[in-house]
């Protein structure tokens, strides 16, 4: 059951509405998945339009656009993966950084 009054605590901060980490985690995951897919699809559409026009200059330009967008998609995906890896490693290190890392884990992975 979804309760609007539910709160979570992370990093020594009490009373964070439970919906806030849920929304941040959902937005993070949507961006992590949607942006690379959208970049690749738009690059494919540009390349398809250029091929349909059958002009060699447009085809070359479409290929360049597709490759640029594919590289950008890989970079976006890797950035999100590297961020999760770094925060995961920092969180497992423990010590006095455990409290802030618990909060980051709560907001990124919804592990509250």
PDB file of N, CA and C in Angstrom:
ATOM      1  N   UNK A   1       0.840  -1.175   0.000  1.00  0.00           N
ATOM      2  CA  UNK A   1       0.000   0.000   0.000  1.00  0.00           C
ATOM      3  C   UNK A   1       0.886   1.239   0.000  1.00  0.00           C
ATOM      4  N   UNK A   2       0.543   2.192  -0.835  1.00  0.00           N
ATOM      5  CA  UNK A   2       1.317   3.419  -0.965  1.00  0.00           C
ATOM      6  C   UNK A   2       0.776   4.455   0.017  1.00  0.00           C
ATOM      7  N   UNK A   3       1.637   4.867   0.931  1.00  0.00           N
ATOM      8  CA  UNK A   3       1.228   5.823   1.955  1.00  0.00           C
ATOM      9  C   UNK A   3       1.965   7.136   1.708  1.00  0.00           C
ATOM     10  N   UNK A   4       1.230   8.232   1.659  1.00  0.00           N
ATOM     11  CA  UNK A   4       1.843   9.533   1.412  1.00  0.00           C
ATOM     12  C   UNK A   4       2.588  10.061   2.627  1.00  0.00           C
ATOM     13  N   UNK A   5       2.225   9.573   3.835  1.00  0.00           N
ATOM     14  CA  UNK A   5       2.858  10.053   5.056  1.00  0.00           C
ATOM     15  C   UNK A   5       4.173   9.348   5.361  1.00  0.00           C
ATOM     16  N   UNK A   6       4.532   8.321   4.597  1.00  0.00           N
ATOM     17  CA  UNK A   6       5.732   7.541   4.878  1.00  0.00           C
ATOM     18  C   UNK A   6       6.972   8.409   4.702  1.00  0.00           C
ATOM     19  N   UNK A   7       7.907   8.233   5.618  1.00  0.00           N
ATOM     20  CA  UNK A   7       9.171   8.955   5.542  1.00  0.00           C
ATOM     21  C   UNK A   7      10.318   7.968   5.651  1.00  0.00           C
ATOM     22  N   UNK A   8      11.451   8.370   5.150  1.00  0.00           N
ATOM     23  CA  UNK A   8      12.668   7.573   5.252  1.00  0.00           C
ATOM     24  C   UNK A   8      13.756   8.444   5.845  1.00  0.00           C
ATOM     25  N   UNK A   9      14.807   7.796   6.284  1.00  0.00           N
ATOM     26  CA  UNK A   9      15.955   8.547   6.784  1.00  0.00           C
ATOM     27  C   UNK A   9      17.195   8.043   6.065  1.00  0.00           C
ATOM     28  N   UNK A  10      18.092   8.965   5.792  1.00  0.00           N
ATOM     29  CA  UNK A  10      19.355   8.574   5.174  1.00  0.00           C
ATOM     30  C   UNK A  10      20.417   9.586   5.566  1.00  0.00           C
ATOM     31  N   UNK A  11      21.587   9.089   5.833  1.00  0.00           N
ATOM     32  CA  UNK A  11      22.700   9.958   6.163  1.00  0.00           C
ATOM     33  C   UNK A  11      22.471  10.815   7.388  1.00  0.00           C
ATOM     34  N   UNK A  12      21.688  10.334   8.327  1.00  0.00           N
ATOM     35  CA  UNK A  12      21.413  11.073   9.535  1.00  0.00           C
ATOM     36  C   UNK A  12      20.300  12.104   9.385  1.00  0.00           C
ATOM     37  N   UNK A  13      19.710  12.186   8.228  1.00  0.00           N
ATOM     38  CA  UNK A  13      18.610  13.122   7.994  1.00  0.00           C
ATOM     39  C   UNK A  13      17.305  12.352   8.145  1.00  0.00           C
ATOM     40  N   UNK A  14      16.461  12.817   9.017  1.00  0.00           N
ATOM     41  CA  UNK A  14      15.180  12.142   9.286  1.00  0.00           C
ATOM     42  C   UNK A  14      14.054  12.866   8.577  1.00  0.00           C
ATOM     43  N   UNK A  15      13.009  12.137   8.277  1.00  0.00           N
ATOM     44  CA  UNK A  15      11.779  12.739   7.781  1.00  0.00           C
ATOM     45  C   UNK A  15      11.747  13.082   6.304  1.00  0.00           C
ATOM     46  N   UNK A  16      12.539  12.410   5.495  1.00  0.00           N
ATOM     47  CA  UNK A  16      12.477  12.638   4.053  1.00  0.00           C
ATOM     48  C   UNK A  16      11.253  11.896   3.530  1.00  0.00           C
ATOM     49  N   UNK A  17      10.366  12.578   2.806  1.00  0.00           N
ATOM     50  CA  UNK A  17       9.200  11.873   2.267  1.00  0.00           C
ATOM     51  C   UNK A  17       9.634  10.710   1.374  1.00  0.00           C
ATOM     52  N   UNK A  18       9.023   9.550   1.556  1.00  0.00           N
ATOM     53  CA  UNK A  18       9.429   8.351   0.820  1.00  0.00           C
ATOM     54  C   UNK A  18       9.218   8.515  -0.685  1.00  0.00           C
ATOM     55  N   UNK A  19       8.302   9.384  -1.068  1.00  0.00           N
ATOM     56  CA  UNK A  19       8.040   9.581  -2.482  1.00  0.00           C
ATOM     57  C   UNK A  19       9.219  10.272  -3.182  1.00  0.00           C
ATOM     58  N   UNK A  20       9.978  11.101  -2.478  1.00  0.00           N
ATOM     59  CA  UNK A  20      11.087  11.830  -3.084  1.00  0.00           C
ATOM     60  C   UNK A  20      12.186  10.895  -3.602  1.00  0.00           C
ATOM     61  N   UNK A  21      12.708   9.952  -2.795  1.00  0.00           N
ATOM     62  CA  UNK A  21      13.702   9.025  -3.354  1.00  0.00           C
ATOM     63  C   UNK A  21      13.127   8.161  -4.481  1.00  0.00           C
ATOM     64  N   UNK A  22      11.841   7.819  -4.387  1.00  0.00           N
ATOM     65  CA  UNK A  22      11.218   7.034  -5.454  1.00  0.00           C
ATOM     66  C   UNK A  22      11.220   7.806  -6.768  1.00  0.00           C
ATOM     67  N   UNK A  23      10.851   9.086  -6.721  1.00  0.00           N
ATOM     68  CA  UNK A  23      10.800   9.899  -7.931  1.00  0.00           C
ATOM     69  C   UNK A  23      12.190  10.144  -8.506  1.00  0.00           C
ATOM     70  N   UNK A  24      13.165  10.419  -7.648  1.00  0.00           N
ATOM     71  CA  UNK A  24      14.529  10.663  -8.116  1.00  0.00           C
ATOM     72  C   UNK A  24      15.095   9.398  -8.752  1.00  0.00           C
ATOM     73  N   UNK A  25      14.877   8.252  -8.126  1.00  0.00           N
ATOM     74  CA  UNK A  25      15.352   6.985  -8.670  1.00  0.00           C
ATOM     75  C   UNK A  25      14.681   6.666 -10.000  1.00  0.00           C
ATOM     76  N   UNK A  26      13.382   6.912 -10.093  1.00  0.00           N
ATOM     77  CA  UNK A  26      12.655   6.668 -11.334  1.00  0.00           C
ATOM     78  C   UNK A  26      13.172   7.573 -12.453  1.00  0.00           C
ATOM     79  N   UNK A  27      13.357   8.857 -12.164  1.00  0.00           N
ATOM     80  CA  UNK A  27      13.869   9.790 -13.170  1.00  0.00           C
ATOM     81  C   UNK A  27      15.282   9.404 -13.602  1.00  0.00           C
ATOM     82  N   UNK A  28      16.110   9.006 -12.653  1.00  0.00           N
ATOM     83  CA  UNK A  28      17.485   8.584 -12.948  1.00  0.00           C
ATOM     84  C   UNK A  28      17.480   7.380 -13.889  1.00  0.00           C
ATOM     85  N   UNK A  29      16.642   6.396 -13.589  1.00  0.00           N
ATOM     86  CA  UNK A  29      16.593   5.192 -14.422  1.00  0.00           C
ATOM     87  C   UNK A  29      16.002   5.472 -15.797  1.00  0.00           C
ATOM     88  N   UNK A  30      15.007   6.340 -15.875  1.00  0.00           N
ATOM     89  CA  UNK A  30      14.425   6.679 -17.178  1.00  0.00           C
ATOM     90  C   UNK A  30      15.462   7.386 -18.047  1.00  0.00           C
ATOM     91  N   UNK A  31      16.176   8.338 -17.473  1.00  0.00           N
ATOM     92  CA  UNK A  31      17.201   9.050 -18.236  1.00  0.00           C
ATOM     93  C   UNK A  31      18.308   8.093 -18.653  1.00  0.00           C
ATOM     94  N   UNK A  32      18.710   7.212 -17.753  1.00  0.00           N
ATOM     95  CA  UNK A  32      19.794   6.266 -18.026  1.00  0.00           C
ATOM     96  C   UNK A  32      19.446   5.354 -19.201  1.00  0.00           C
ATOM     97  N   UNK A  33      18.191   4.996 -19.345  1.00  0.00           N
ATOM     98  CA  UNK A  33      17.785   4.070 -20.402  1.00  0.00           C
ATOM     99  C   UNK A  33      17.283   4.823 -21.638  1.00  0.00           C
ATOM    100  N   UNK A  34      16.464   5.845 -21.450  1.00  0.00           N
ATOM    101  CA  UNK A  34      15.793   6.504 -22.570  1.00  0.00           C
ATOM    102  C   UNK A  34      16.735   7.335 -23.428  1.00  0.00           C
ATOM    103  N   UNK A  35      17.645   8.071 -22.825  1.00  0.00           N
ATOM    104  CA  UNK A  35      18.505   8.974 -23.590  1.00  0.00           C
ATOM    105  C   UNK A  35      19.386   8.217 -24.593  1.00  0.00           C
ATOM    106  N   UNK A  36      20.098   7.149 -24.213  1.00  0.00           N
ATOM    107  CA  UNK A  36      20.877   6.428 -25.231  1.00  0.00           C
ATOM    108  C   UNK A  36      20.008   5.833 -26.342  1.00  0.00           C
ATOM    109  N   UNK A  37      18.853   5.283 -25.984  1.00  0.00           N
ATOM    110  CA  UNK A  37      17.973   4.702 -27.005  1.00  0.00           C
ATOM    111  C   UNK A  37      17.480   5.796 -27.947  1.00  0.00           C
ATOM    112  N   UNK A  38      17.082   6.936 -27.397  1.00  0.00           N
ATOM    113  CA  UNK A  38      16.589   8.034 -28.228  1.00  0.00           C
ATOM    114  C   UNK A  38      17.688   8.556 -29.161  1.00  0.00           C
ATOM    115  N   UNK A  39      18.906   8.679 -28.653  1.00  0.00           N
ATOM    116  CA  UNK A  39      20.001   9.154 -29.494  1.00  0.00           C
ATOM    117  C   UNK A  39      20.259   8.214 -30.662  1.00  0.00           C
ATOM    118  N   UNK A  40      20.247   6.917 -30.399  1.00  0.00           N
ATOM    119  CA  UNK A  40      20.479   5.944 -31.470  1.00  0.00           C
ATOM    120  C   UNK A  40      19.322   5.959 -32.468  1.00  0.00           C
ATOM    121  N   UNK A  41      18.084   6.041 -31.988  1.00  0.00           N
ATOM    122  CA  UNK A  41      16.938   6.076 -32.899  1.00  0.00           C
ATOM    123  C   UNK A  41      16.957   7.319 -33.780  1.00  0.00           C
ATOM    124  N   UNK A  42      17.253   8.480 -33.199  1.00  0.00           N
ATOM    125  CA  UNK A  42      17.324   9.701 -33.998  1.00  0.00           C
ATOM    126  C   UNK A  42      18.453   9.616 -35.029  1.00  0.00           C
ATOM    127  N   UNK A  43      19.575   9.041 -34.655  1.00  0.00           N
ATOM    128  CA  UNK A  43      20.666   8.859 -35.610  1.00  0.00           C
ATOM    129  C   UNK A  43      20.273   7.931 -36.746  1.00  0.00           C
ATOM    130  N   UNK A  44      19.529   6.865 -36.421  1.00  0.00           N
ATOM    131  CA  UNK A  44      19.064   5.949 -37.465  1.00  0.00           C
ATOM    132  C   UNK A  44      18.070   6.637 -38.394  1.00  0.00           C
ATOM    133  N   UNK A  45      17.208   7.479 -37.834  1.00  0.00           N
ATOM    134  CA  UNK A  45      16.243   8.199 -38.678  1.00  0.00           C
ATOM    135  C   UNK A  45      16.959   9.169 -39.617  1.00  0.00           C
ATOM    136  N   UNK A  46      17.968   9.871 -39.116  1.00  0.00           N
ATOM    137  CA  UNK A  46      18.736  10.780 -39.968  1.00  0.00           C
ATOM    138  C   UNK A  46      19.433  10.018 -41.093  1.00  0.00           C
ATOM    139  N   UNK A  47      20.026   8.891 -40.755  1.00  0.00           N
ATOM    140  CA  UNK A  47      20.707   8.077 -41.761  1.00  0.00           C
ATOM    141  C   UNK A  47      19.699   7.518 -42.762  1.00  0.00           C
ATOM    142  N   UNK A  48      18.545   7.087 -42.296  1.00  0.00           N
ATOM    143  CA  UNK A  48      17.504   6.577 -43.192  1.00  0.00           C
ATOM    144  C   UNK A  48      17.004   7.641 -44.158  1.00  0.00           C
ATOM    145  N   UNK A  49      16.811   8.869 -43.652  1.00  0.00           N
ATOM    146  CA  UNK A  49      16.381   9.971 -44.525  1.00  0.00           C
ATOM    147  C   UNK A  49      17.428  10.241 -45.601  1.00  0.00           C
ATOM    148  N   UNK A  50      18.694  10.213 -45.218  1.00  0.00           N
ATOM    149  CA  UNK A  50      19.762  10.478 -46.173  1.00  0.00           C
ATOM    150  C   UNK A  50      19.829   9.385 -47.232  1.00  0.00           C
ATOM    151  N   UNK A  51      19.638   8.149 -46.831  1.00  0.00           N
ATOM    152  CA  UNK A  51      19.671   7.043 -47.793  1.00  0.00           C
ATOM    153  C   UNK A  51      18.482   7.131 -48.743  1.00  0.00           C
ATOM    154  N   UNK A  52      17.336   7.533 -48.232  1.00  0.00           N
ATOM    155  CA  UNK A  52      16.145   7.652 -49.086  1.00  0.00           C
ATOM    156  C   UNK A  52      16.315   8.762 -50.127  1.00  0.00           C
ATOM    157  N   UNK A  53      17.069   9.796 -49.813  1.00  0.00           N
ATOM    158  CA  UNK A  53      17.290  10.881 -50.771  1.00  0.00           C
ATOM    159  C   UNK A  53      18.302  10.484 -51.842  1.00  0.00           C
ATOM    160  N   UNK A  54      19.087   9.485 -51.586  1.00  0.00           N
ATOM    161  CA  UNK A  54      20.068   8.922 -52.516  1.00  0.00           C
ATOM    162  C   UNK A  54      21.074   9.959 -53.033  1.00  0.00           C
ATOM    163  N   UNK A  55      21.425  10.887 -52.169  1.00  0.00           N
ATOM    164  CA  UNK A  55      22.479  11.838 -52.507  1.00  0.00           C
ATOM    165  C   UNK A  55      23.696  11.476 -51.665  1.00  0.00           C
ATOM    166  N   UNK A  56      24.813  11.355 -52.334  1.00  0.00           N
ATOM    167  CA  UNK A  56      26.009  10.878 -51.647  1.00  0.00           C
ATOM    168  C   UNK A  56      26.460  11.822 -50.531  1.00  0.00           C
ATOM    169  N   UNK A  57      26.332  13.118 -50.740  1.00  0.00           N
ATOM    170  CA  UNK A  57      26.716  14.080 -49.694  1.00  0.00           C
ATOM    171  C   UNK A  57      25.816  13.935 -48.463  1.00  0.00           C
ATOM    172  N   UNK A  58      24.520  13.767 -48.718  1.00  0.00           N
ATOM    173  CA  UNK A  58      23.589  13.590 -47.600  1.00  0.00           C
ATOM    174  C   UNK A  58      23.831  12.282 -46.867  1.00  0.00           C
ATOM    175  N   UNK A  59      24.198  11.241 -47.602  1.00  0.00           N
ATOM    176  CA  UNK A  59      24.481   9.943 -46.975  1.00  0.00           C
ATOM    177  C   UNK A  59      25.699  10.056 -46.071  1.00  0.00           C
ATOM    178  N   UNK A  60      26.742  10.715 -46.569  1.00  0.00           N
ATOM    179  CA  UNK A  60      27.947  10.901 -45.750  1.00  0.00           C
ATOM    180  C   UNK A  60      27.640  11.721 -44.501  1.00  0.00           C
ATOM    181  N   UNK A  61      26.839  12.776 -44.665  1.00  0.00           N
ATOM    182  CA  UNK A  61      26.453  13.605 -43.530  1.00  0.00           C
ATOM    183  C   UNK A  61      25.599  12.797 -42.542  1.00  0.00           C
ATOM    184  N   UNK A  62      24.698  11.960 -43.070  1.00  0.00           N
ATOM    185  CA  UNK A  62      23.862  11.105 -42.224  1.00  0.00           C
ATOM    186  C   UNK A  62      24.690  10.084 -41.463  1.00  0.00           C
ATOM    187  N   UNK A  63      25.706   9.510 -42.120  1.00  0.00           N
ATOM    188  CA  UNK A  63      26.594   8.572 -41.436  1.00  0.00           C
ATOM    189  C   UNK A  63      27.350   9.258 -40.307  1.00  0.00           C
ATOM    190  N   UNK A  64      27.835  10.448 -40.581  1.00  0.00           N
ATOM    191  CA  UNK A  64      28.575  11.188 -39.555  1.00  0.00           C
ATOM    192  C   UNK A  64      27.666  11.502 -38.364  1.00  0.00           C
ATOM    193  N   UNK A  65      26.428  11.918 -38.653  1.00  0.00           N
ATOM    194  CA  UNK A  65      25.470  12.211 -37.582  1.00  0.00           C
ATOM    195  C   UNK A  65      25.157  10.965 -36.775  1.00  0.00           C
ATOM    196  N   UNK A  66      24.962   9.841 -37.468  1.00  0.00           N
ATOM    197  CA  UNK A  66      24.657   8.597 -36.773  1.00  0.00           C
ATOM    198  C   UNK A  66      25.808   8.169 -35.867  1.00  0.00           C
ATOM    199  N   UNK A  67      27.016   8.240 -36.381  1.00  0.00           N
ATOM    200  CA  UNK A  67      28.179   7.844 -35.578  1.00  0.00           C
ATOM    201  C   UNK A  67      28.334   8.768 -34.372  1.00  0.00           C
ATOM    202  N   UNK A  68      28.132  10.064 -34.573  1.00  0.00           N
ATOM    203  CA  UNK A  68      28.227  11.016 -33.471  1.00  0.00           C
ATOM    204  C   UNK A  68      27.194  10.719 -32.397  1.00  0.00           C
ATOM    205  N   UNK A  69      25.966  10.456 -32.805  1.00  0.00           N
ATOM    206  CA  UNK A  69      24.911  10.163 -31.834  1.00  0.00           C
ATOM    207  C   UNK A  69      25.124   8.818 -31.158  1.00  0.00           C
ATOM    208  N   UNK A  70      25.646   7.832 -31.884  1.00  0.00           N
ATOM    209  CA  UNK A  70      25.932   6.536 -31.260  1.00  0.00           C
ATOM    210  C   UNK A  70      27.023   6.675 -30.202  1.00  0.00           C
ATOM    211  N   UNK A  71      28.045   7.453 -30.498  1.00  0.00           N
ATOM    212  CA  UNK A  71      29.113   7.692 -29.516  1.00  0.00           C
ATOM    213  C   UNK A  71      28.559   8.443 -28.310  1.00  0.00           C
ATOM    214  N   UNK A  72      27.715   9.433 -28.560  1.00  0.00           N
ATOM    215  CA  UNK A  72      27.105  10.171 -27.445  1.00  0.00           C
ATOM    216  C   UNK A  72      26.246   9.244 -26.587  1.00  0.00           C
ATOM    217  N   UNK A  73      25.523   8.314 -27.214  1.00  0.00           N
ATOM    218  CA  UNK A  73      24.699   7.363 -26.464  1.00  0.00           C
ATOM    219  C   UNK A  73      25.559   6.474 -25.576  1.00  0.00           C
ATOM    220  N   UNK A  74      26.670   6.002 -26.105  1.00  0.00           N
ATOM    221  CA  UNK A  74      27.578   5.168 -25.313  1.00  0.00           C
ATOM    222  C   UNK A  74      28.158   5.971 -24.154  1.00  0.00           C
ATOM    223  N   UNK A  75      28.527   7.216 -24.405  1.00  0.00           N
ATOM    224  CA  UNK A  75      29.088   8.061 -23.351  1.00  0.00           C
ATOM    225  C   UNK A  75      28.057   8.302 -22.249  1.00  0.00           C
ATOM    226  N   UNK A  76      26.817   8.606 -22.638  1.00  0.00           N
ATOM    227  CA  UNK A  76      25.768   8.832 -21.634  1.00  0.00           C
ATOM    228  C   UNK A  76      25.567   7.577 -20.795  1.00  0.00           C
ATOM    229  N   UNK A  77      25.482   6.423 -21.446  1.00  0.00           N
ATOM    230  CA  UNK A  77      25.294   5.179 -20.713  1.00  0.00           C
ATOM    231  C   UNK A  77      26.467   4.921 -19.776  1.00  0.00           C
ATOM    232  N   UNK A  78      27.681   5.128 -20.255  1.00  0.00           N
ATOM    233  CA  UNK A  78      28.863   4.882 -19.423  1.00  0.00           C
ATOM    234  C   UNK A  78      28.953   5.853 -18.258  1.00  0.00           C
ATOM    235  N   UNK A  79      28.549   7.098 -18.457  1.00  0.00           N
ATOM    236  CA  UNK A  79      28.597   8.064 -17.359  1.00  0.00           C
ATOM    237  C   UNK A  79      27.698   7.609 -16.217  1.00  0.00           C
ATOM    238  N   UNK A  80      26.475   7.199 -16.538  1.00  0.00           N
ATOM    239  CA  UNK A  80      25.564   6.741 -15.495  1.00  0.00           C
ATOM    240  C   UNK A  80      26.105   5.477 -14.817  1.00  0.00           C
ATOM    241  N   UNK A  81      26.678   4.566 -15.600  1.00  0.00           N
ATOM    242  CA  UNK A  81      27.237   3.343 -15.016  1.00  0.00           C
ATOM    243  C   UNK A  81      28.436   3.645 -14.135  1.00  0.00           C
ATOM    244  N   UNK A  82      29.292   4.551 -14.566  1.00  0.00           N
ATOM    245  CA  UNK A  82      30.473   4.912 -13.773  1.00  0.00           C
ATOM    246  C   UNK A  82      30.057   5.606 -12.485  1.00  0.00           C
ATOM    247  N   UNK A  83      29.054   6.482 -12.553  1.00  0.00           N
ATOM    248  CA  UNK A  83      28.567   7.147 -11.345  1.00  0.00           C
ATOM    249  C   UNK A  83      28.065   6.113 -10.339  1.00  0.00           C
ATOM    250  N   UNK A  84      27.280   5.151 -10.810  1.00  0.00           N
ATOM    251  CA  UNK A  84      26.780   4.115  -9.895  1.00  0.00           C
ATOM    252  C   UNK A  84      27.929   3.278  -9.335  1.00  0.00           C
ATOM    253  N   UNK A  85      28.918   2.957 -10.162  1.00  0.00           N
ATOM    254  CA  UNK A  85      30.057   2.168  -9.697  1.00  0.00           C
ATOM    255  C   UNK A  85      30.847   2.929  -8.635  1.00  0.00           C
ATOM    256  N   UNK A  86      31.132   4.201  -8.883  1.00  0.00           N
ATOM    257  CA  UNK A  86      31.906   5.003  -7.929  1.00  0.00           C
ATOM    258  C   UNK A  86      31.172   5.123  -6.602  1.00  0.00           C
ATOM    259  N   UNK A  87      29.882   5.446  -6.658  1.00  0.00           N
ATOM    260  CA  UNK A  87      29.135   5.576  -5.412  1.00  0.00           C
ATOM    261  C   UNK A  87      28.982   4.231  -4.712  1.00  0.00           C
ATOM    262  N   UNK A  88      28.895   3.161  -5.471  1.00  0.00           N
ATOM    263  CA  UNK A  88      28.849   1.834  -4.862  1.00  0.00           C
ATOM    264  C   UNK A  88      30.146   1.495  -4.146  1.00  0.00           C
ATOM    265  N   UNK A  89      31.279   1.818  -4.776  1.00  0.00           N
ATOM    266  CA  UNK A  89      32.573   1.561  -4.151  1.00  0.00           C
ATOM    267  C   UNK A  89      32.793   2.446  -2.929  1.00  0.00           C
ATOM    268  N   UNK A  90      32.395   3.707  -3.028  1.00  0.00           N
ATOM    269  CA  UNK A  90      32.539   4.600  -1.886  1.00  0.00           C
ATOM    270  C   UNK A  90      31.641   4.163  -0.726  1.00  0.00           C
ATOM    271  N   UNK A  91      30.456   3.689  -1.052  1.00  0.00           N
ATOM    272  CA  UNK A  91      29.536   3.231  -0.016  1.00  0.00           C
ATOM    273  C   UNK A  91      30.032   1.982   0.678  1.00  0.00           C
ATOM    274  N   UNK A  92      30.699   1.094  -0.072  1.00  0.00           N
ATOM    275  CA  UNK A  92      31.195  -0.135   0.539  1.00  0.00           C
ATOM    276  C   UNK A  92      32.480   0.101   1.323  1.00  0.00           C
ATOM    277  N   UNK A  93      33.129   1.259   1.132  1.00  0.00           N
ATOM    278  CA  UNK A  93      34.357   1.561   1.859  1.00  0.00           C
ATOM    279  C   UNK A  93      34.086   1.778   3.345  1.00  0.00           C
ATOM    280  N   UNK A  94      32.849   2.200   3.652  1.00  0.00           N
ATOM    281  CA  UNK A  94      32.479   2.379   5.056  1.00  0.00           C
ATOM    282  C   UNK A  94      33.088   3.625   5.656  1.00  0.00           C
ATOM    283  N   UNK A  95      33.365   3.549   6.942  1.00  0.00           N
ATOM    284  CA  UNK A  95      33.939   4.689   7.635  1.00  0.00           C
ATOM    285  C   UNK A  95      32.908   5.772   7.870  1.00  0.00           C
ATOM    286  N   UNK A  96      33.378   7.003   7.994  1.00  0.00           N
ATOM    287  CA  UNK A  96      32.459   8.114   8.253  1.00  0.00           C
ATOM    288  C   UNK A  96      31.755   8.582   6.982  1.00  0.00           C
ATOM    289  N   UNK A  97      32.134   8.033   5.816  1.00  0.00           N
ATOM    290  CA  UNK A  97      31.443   8.391   4.578  1.00  0.00           C
ATOM    291  C   UNK A  97      30.241   7.495   4.331  1.00  0.00           C
ATOM    292  N   UNK A  98      29.977   6.549   5.237  1.00  0.00           N
ATOM    293  CA  UNK A  98      28.874   5.609   5.017  1.00  0.00           C
ATOM    294  C   UNK A  98      27.530   6.311   5.047  1.00  0.00           C
ATOM    295  N   UNK A  99      27.356   7.280   5.912  1.00  0.00           N
ATOM    296  CA  UNK A  99      26.072   7.963   6.011  1.00  0.00           C
ATOM    297  C   UNK A  99      25.702   8.715   4.735  1.00  0.00           C
ATOM    298  N   UNK A 100      26.588   9.541   4.171  1.00  0.00           N
ATOM    299  CA  UNK A 100      26.227  10.190   2.909  1.00  0.00           C
ATOM    300  C   UNK A 100      26.044   9.191   1.765  1.00  0.00           C
ATOM    301  N   UNK A 101      26.829   8.122   1.756  1.00  0.00           N
ATOM    302  CA  UNK A 101      26.706   7.128   0.691  1.00  0.00           C
ATOM    303  C   UNK A 101      25.397   6.352   0.805  1.00  0.00           C
ATOM    304  N   UNK A 102      24.915   6.162   2.035  1.00  0.00           N
ATOM    305  CA  UNK A 102      23.604   5.533   2.210  1.00  0.00           C
ATOM    306  C   UNK A 102      22.524   6.407   1.599  1.00  0.00           C
ATOM    307  N   UNK A 103      22.659   7.706   1.744  1.00  0.00           N
ATOM    308  CA  UNK A 103      21.689   8.645   1.187  1.00  0.00           C
ATOM    309  C   UNK A 103      21.752   8.632  -0.342  1.00  0.00           C
ATOM    310  N   UNK A 104      22.953   8.593  -0.898  1.00  0.00           N
ATOM    311  CA  UNK A 104      23.098   8.527  -2.352  1.00  0.00           C
ATOM    312  C   UNK A 104      22.494   7.235  -2.875  1.00  0.00           C
ATOM    313  N   UNK A 105      22.761   6.120  -2.186  1.00  0.00           N
ATOM    314  CA  UNK A 105      22.189   4.836  -2.570  1.00  0.00           C
ATOM    315  C   UNK A 105      20.676   4.857  -2.491  1.00  0.00           C
ATOM    316  N   UNK A 106      20.152   5.542  -1.495  1.00  0.00           N
ATOM    317  CA  UNK A 106      18.713   5.666  -1.331  1.00  0.00           C
ATOM    318  C   UNK A 106      18.094   6.405  -2.517  1.00  0.00           C
ATOM    319  N   UNK A 107      18.741   7.484  -2.958  1.00  0.00           N
ATOM    320  CA  UNK A 107      18.175   8.287  -4.031  1.00  0.00           C
ATOM    321  C   UNK A 107      18.424   7.702  -5.419  1.00  0.00           C
ATOM    322  N   UNK A 108      19.588   7.067  -5.634  1.00  0.00           N
ATOM    323  CA  UNK A 108      19.878   6.522  -6.958  1.00  0.00           C
ATOM    324  C   UNK A 108      19.244   5.151  -7.180  1.00  0.00           C
ATOM    325  N   UNK A 109      19.328   4.287  -6.178  1.00  0.00           N
ATOM    326  CA  UNK A 109      18.870   2.904  -6.342  1.00  0.00           C
ATOM    327  C   UNK A 109      17.595   2.591  -5.588  1.00  0.00           C
ATOM    328  N   UNK A 110      17.064   3.563  -4.858  1.00  0.00           N
ATOM    329  CA  UNK A 110      15.849   3.394  -4.057  1.00  0.00           C
ATOM    330  C   UNK A 110      16.018   2.291  -3.019  1.00  0.00           C
ATOM    331  N   UNK A 111      17.216   2.206  -2.432  1.00  0.00           N
ATOM    332  CA  UNK A 111      17.503   1.249  -1.362  1.00  0.00           C
ATOM    333  C   UNK A 111      17.474   1.963  -0.015  1.00  0.00           C
ATOM    334  N   UNK A 112      16.290   2.350   0.399  1.00  0.00           N
ATOM    335  CA  UNK A 112      16.163   3.106   1.645  1.00  0.00           C
ATOM    336  C   UNK A 112      15.816   2.164   2.798  1.00  0.00           C
TER     337      UNK A 112
END
